[in-house]
Amino acid sequence: MKRMIAALALGTALAGPALSFDIQSMTDEERAAFGDAVREYLIANPQTLVEAITALEESQAATSAMNDQELIAENSAAIFEDGHSWVGGNPDGDLTMVEFMDYRCGVCRQYNDSVFDAVEDDGNIRLIVKEFPILGEDSERSSRFALSVRDLGGDEAYKKAHDALITLRSSASDDALRQIAEDVGVDADQAIAGMEDDAVTEILRKNYELAQKMGIQGTPSFVIGDQLLRGVPRAGIASTVEQIRETM
């Protein structure tokens, strides 16, 4: 009998607002008996709890995905067409992937080749890189330098600087940045001076503001199509792109 009561009570509780279960209306003795019955039932039927937790996680994930899609729709212009972020891959691709990245982020460094390999191998991805330095002074100096290089030398120079900065093992010192500037073919003095331009500061401000609106607090984070991924997807970049395309 206790197990039947517990099963019915647990089912009612898990059903949500459609059915009500008022434990406050019970006497102290009834509440104690109810607790013992539920405990006994779950011990005897642990799969019930596993199923309930799984259902809750799936419901929360679905709700989170819907909320993220709304955030993407509300901020689509700033995400996909901001006018200041570097755009690579296929500019006419059928899917846009946006990466919020930090040059000093270990995970960003680890997966940088995977991101660009997936874009190249696919051939139909439009890639946008959002400078999002959140890991200290070297992070910000690196992003400021990359943006200054782009202003001086254009997209090709930016990509070369990006590749150099993402693999830079030393600090982002003036000497290190000067060497990168020379390697990518821009004037080092101008590149370093340009790091403090108001335009560079404004780009970073807008990226921070967008990340805050999107609930993005770490790097790397991705917007792929209408999906927001806070971190590297478990399935990998290429597989995740395939999965998202199937839902488009």
Protein backbone atom coordinates (compact mmCIF):
# COMPACT_ATOMS: atom_id res chain seq x y z
CA MET A 1 0.00 0.00 0.00
CA LYS A 2 2.82 2.42 0.87
CA ARG A 3 4.42 1.85 -2.51
CA MET A 4 1.15 2.52 -4.30
CA ILE A 5 0.62 5.74 -2.36
CA ALA A 6 4.18 6.85 -3.06
CA ALA A 7 3.92 6.05 -6.74
CA LEU A 8 0.70 7.99 -7.10
CA ALA A 9 2.07 10.92 -5.08
CA LEU A 10 5.35 10.97 -6.99
CA GLY A 11 3.54 10.82 -10.31
CA THR A 12 1.29 13.67 -9.25
CA ALA A 13 4.25 15.77 -8.09
CA LEU A 14 6.18 15.19 -11.32
CA ALA A 15 3.18 15.97 -13.50
CA GLY A 16 3.61 19.68 -12.78
CA PRO A 17 0.89 22.30 -12.36
CA ALA A 18 -1.78 20.31 -14.17
CA LEU A 19 -2.29 18.25 -11.01
CA SER A 20 -1.93 19.63 -7.48
CA PHE A 21 -0.53 17.86 -4.46
CA ASP A 22 -0.79 19.84 -1.22
CA ILE A 23 1.55 18.34 1.33
CA GLN A 24 0.82 21.23 3.68
CA SER A 25 -2.69 19.91 4.25
CA MET A 26 -1.31 16.73 5.81
CA THR A 27 -0.86 16.17 9.50
CA ASP A 28 2.66 15.69 10.86
CA GLU A 29 2.07 11.96 11.03
CA GLU A 30 0.78 11.83 7.45
CA ARG A 31 3.76 13.82 6.16
CA ALA A 32 6.17 11.49 7.95
CA ALA A 33 4.41 8.46 6.52
CA PHE A 34 4.39 10.01 3.08
CA GLY A 35 8.12 10.68 3.27
CA ASP A 36 8.85 7.14 4.38
CA ALA A 37 6.65 5.75 1.59
CA VAL A 38 8.34 7.83 -1.12
CA ARG A 39 11.79 6.89 0.19
CA GLU A 40 10.93 3.20 0.21
CA TYR A 41 9.43 3.41 -3.27
CA LEU A 42 12.48 5.14 -4.76
CA ILE A 43 14.85 2.69 -3.13
CA ALA A 44 12.85 -0.20 -4.58
CA ASN A 45 12.41 1.54 -7.96
CA PRO A 46 15.52 3.70 -8.58
CA GLN A 47 14.80 3.84 -12.31
CA THR A 48 11.79 6.02 -11.55
CA LEU A 49 14.08 8.73 -10.19
CA VAL A 50 16.48 8.38 -13.12
CA GLU A 51 13.59 8.77 -15.57
CA ALA A 52 12.26 11.80 -13.68
CA ILE A 53 15.69 13.49 -13.67
CA THR A 54 16.17 12.72 -17.38
CA ALA A 55 12.77 14.19 -18.22
CA LEU A 56 13.55 17.30 -16.17
CA GLU A 57 16.94 17.78 -17.87
CA GLU A 58 15.39 17.36 -21.31
CA SER A 59 12.69 19.89 -20.47
CA GLN A 60 15.23 22.38 -19.14
CA ALA A 61 17.46 21.90 -22.21
CA ALA A 62 14.53 22.49 -24.54
CA THR A 63 13.52 25.62 -22.65
CA SER A 64 17.11 26.90 -22.69
CA ALA A 65 17.40 26.26 -26.44
CA MET A 66 14.18 28.18 -27.09
CA ASN A 67 15.39 31.08 -24.95
CA ASP A 68 18.73 31.10 -26.79
CA GLN A 69 16.98 31.15 -30.16
CA GLU A 70 14.98 34.16 -29.01
CA LEU A 71 18.19 35.88 -27.92
CA ILE A 72 19.77 35.21 -31.30
CA ALA A 73 16.72 36.53 -33.14
CA GLU A 74 16.60 39.68 -30.99
CA ASN A 75 20.32 40.40 -31.49
CA SER A 76 20.79 39.04 -35.00
CA ALA A 77 22.11 42.28 -36.49
CA ALA A 78 24.82 42.63 -33.83
CA ILE A 79 25.71 38.94 -34.11
CA PHE A 80 25.78 38.45 -37.87
CA GLU A 81 26.11 41.91 -39.42
CA ASP A 82 27.97 44.17 -36.99
CA GLY A 83 30.23 45.64 -39.69
CA HIS A 84 33.39 45.45 -37.58
CA SER A 85 34.13 41.74 -37.09
CA TRP A 86 36.40 39.76 -39.39
CA VAL A 87 34.48 37.52 -41.79
CA GLY A 88 36.07 34.45 -43.33
CA GLY A 89 35.10 31.20 -44.97
CA ASN A 90 32.45 31.46 -47.65
CA PRO A 91 30.81 34.92 -47.46
CA ASP A 92 27.77 33.48 -49.26
CA GLY A 93 27.64 30.28 -47.21
CA ASP A 94 24.33 28.73 -46.23
CA LEU A 95 25.29 28.71 -42.54
CA THR A 96 27.00 31.35 -40.39
CA MET A 97 29.22 30.39 -37.48
CA VAL A 98 30.26 33.07 -34.99
CA GLU A 99 33.04 32.48 -32.49
CA PHE A 100 33.56 34.62 -29.38
CA MET A 101 37.25 34.02 -28.65
CA ASP A 102 40.18 35.08 -26.50
CA TYR A 103 43.76 34.66 -27.73
CA ARG A 104 44.97 33.58 -24.27
CA CYS A 105 42.20 31.04 -23.79
CA GLY A 106 43.66 27.53 -23.73
CA VAL A 107 40.54 25.93 -25.20
CA CYS A 108 40.38 28.53 -27.97
CA ARG A 109 43.98 27.70 -28.82
CA GLN A 110 43.34 23.97 -28.69
CA TYR A 111 40.34 24.10 -31.03
CA ASN A 112 41.41 26.94 -33.34
CA ASP A 113 42.61 24.57 -36.07
CA SER A 114 39.42 22.49 -35.74
CA VAL A 115 37.28 25.57 -36.32
CA PHE A 116 39.15 26.69 -39.43
CA ASP A 117 39.54 23.14 -40.76
CA ALA A 118 35.79 22.59 -40.45
CA VAL A 119 35.11 25.83 -42.31
CA GLU A 120 37.57 24.98 -45.09
CA ASP A 121 36.46 21.36 -45.45
CA ASP A 122 32.78 22.29 -45.50
CA GLY A 123 33.18 25.09 -48.02
CA ASN A 124 29.76 26.56 -47.27
CA ILE A 125 30.23 28.18 -43.85
CA ARG A 126 30.48 31.90 -43.26
CA LEU A 127 32.78 32.41 -40.25
CA ILE A 128 32.73 35.49 -38.02
CA VAL A 129 35.32 36.06 -35.29
CA LYS A 130 34.30 38.20 -32.30
CA GLU A 131 37.20 39.57 -30.28
CA PHE A 132 36.20 38.87 -26.67
CA PRO A 133 39.25 39.30 -24.39
CA ILE A 134 38.29 38.32 -20.85
CA LEU A 135 41.46 36.77 -19.42
CA GLY A 136 43.52 39.78 -18.46
CA GLU A 137 45.91 42.34 -19.88
CA ASP A 138 47.59 40.06 -22.44
CA SER A 139 44.16 39.06 -23.76
CA GLU A 140 43.10 42.65 -24.27
CA ARG A 141 46.44 43.70 -25.78
CA SER A 142 46.24 40.81 -28.24
CA SER A 143 42.70 41.69 -29.35
CA ARG A 144 43.50 45.38 -29.61
CA PHE A 145 46.54 44.57 -31.71
CA ALA A 146 44.57 42.27 -34.04
CA LEU A 147 41.95 44.95 -34.59
CA SER A 148 44.61 47.59 -35.19
CA VAL A 149 46.33 45.32 -37.73
CA ARG A 150 43.05 44.81 -39.56
CA ASP A 151 42.51 48.56 -39.73
CA LEU A 152 45.97 48.98 -41.24
CA GLY A 153 46.32 45.93 -43.44
CA GLY A 154 42.83 44.58 -44.03
CA ASP A 155 41.36 41.11 -43.64
CA GLU A 156 44.37 39.16 -44.90
CA ALA A 157 46.72 40.86 -42.44
CA TYR A 158 44.20 40.30 -39.65
CA LYS A 159 44.03 36.55 -40.36
CA LYS A 160 47.83 36.29 -40.27
CA ALA A 161 47.93 38.21 -37.00
CA HIS A 162 45.15 36.02 -35.61
CA ASP A 163 47.12 32.87 -36.44
CA ALA A 164 50.26 34.30 -34.83
CA LEU A 165 48.48 35.51 -31.68
CA ILE A 166 46.60 32.26 -31.09
CA THR A 167 49.92 30.39 -30.99
CA LEU A 168 51.97 33.07 -29.20
CA ARG A 169 53.67 31.48 -26.19
CA SER A 170 55.23 34.62 -24.77
CA SER A 171 53.37 37.57 -23.32
CA ALA A 172 51.85 40.07 -25.73
CA SER A 173 54.75 42.46 -25.18
CA ASP A 174 55.60 45.31 -27.51
CA ASP A 175 58.57 43.30 -28.82
CA ALA A 176 56.37 40.27 -29.58
CA LEU A 177 53.73 42.41 -31.27
CA ARG A 178 56.33 44.28 -33.30
CA GLN A 179 57.63 41.00 -34.66
CA ILE A 180 54.11 39.90 -35.63
CA ALA A 181 53.49 43.25 -37.31
CA GLU A 182 56.61 42.84 -39.40
CA ASP A 183 55.67 39.27 -40.29
CA VAL A 184 52.20 40.25 -41.51
CA GLY A 185 53.47 43.30 -43.41
CA VAL A 186 52.16 46.29 -41.44
CA ASP A 187 54.03 49.13 -39.80
CA ALA A 188 54.78 48.06 -36.22
CA ASP A 189 54.73 51.57 -34.73
CA GLN A 190 51.37 52.32 -36.31
CA ALA A 191 49.94 48.95 -35.28
CA ILE A 192 50.92 49.42 -31.64
CA ALA A 193 49.78 53.05 -31.57
CA GLY A 194 46.46 52.04 -33.12
CA MET A 195 45.71 49.68 -30.25
CA GLU A 196 44.47 52.65 -28.23
CA ASP A 197 42.26 54.10 -30.95
CA ASP A 198 38.73 54.95 -29.89
CA ALA A 199 37.43 52.78 -32.74
CA VAL A 200 39.18 49.72 -31.28
CA THR A 201 37.84 50.45 -27.81
CA GLU A 202 34.33 50.84 -29.23
CA ILE A 203 34.48 47.47 -31.00
CA LEU A 204 35.46 45.71 -27.80
CA ARG A 205 32.75 47.56 -25.88
CA LYS A 206 30.12 46.42 -28.35
CA ASN A 207 31.37 42.83 -28.21
CA TYR A 208 31.26 42.84 -24.40
CA GLU A 209 27.77 44.32 -24.47
CA LEU A 210 26.56 41.70 -26.94
CA ALA A 211 28.07 38.86 -24.91
CA GLN A 212 26.33 40.15 -21.79
CA LYS A 213 22.98 40.22 -23.58
CA MET A 214 23.56 36.67 -24.82
CA GLY A 215 24.59 35.33 -21.44
CA ILE A 216 28.06 34.50 -22.75
CA GLN A 217 30.65 34.50 -19.99
CA GLY A 218 33.39 32.24 -21.30
CA THR A 219 35.40 31.42 -24.39
CA PRO A 220 35.11 29.90 -26.82
CA SER A 221 31.39 30.39 -27.34
CA PHE A 222 29.66 29.89 -30.66
CA VAL A 223 26.54 30.94 -32.48
CA ILE A 224 25.95 28.45 -35.29
CA GLY A 225 22.82 29.20 -37.27
CA ASP A 226 20.13 29.60 -34.62
CA GLN A 227 22.01 27.64 -31.96
CA LEU A 228 24.05 29.15 -29.10
CA LEU A 229 26.86 26.97 -27.78
CA ARG A 230 28.63 28.11 -24.63
CA GLY A 231 31.81 26.09 -25.06
CA VAL A 232 33.07 23.59 -27.61
CA PRO A 233 30.32 21.18 -28.67
CA ARG A 234 30.94 17.61 -27.50
CA ALA A 235 30.24 16.23 -30.96
CA GLY A 236 32.94 18.44 -32.48
CA ILE A 237 32.57 21.41 -34.79
CA ALA A 238 32.03 19.58 -38.08
CA SER A 239 29.49 17.10 -36.68
CA THR A 240 27.62 19.88 -34.88
CA VAL A 241 27.38 21.87 -38.10
CA GLU A 242 25.86 18.82 -39.82
CA GLN A 243 23.35 18.35 -37.01
CA ILE A 244 22.29 22.01 -37.09
CA ARG A 245 21.89 21.95 -40.87
CA GLU A 246 19.47 19.05 -40.51
CA THR A 247 17.20 21.25 -38.38
CA MET A 248 17.25 24.23 -40.73
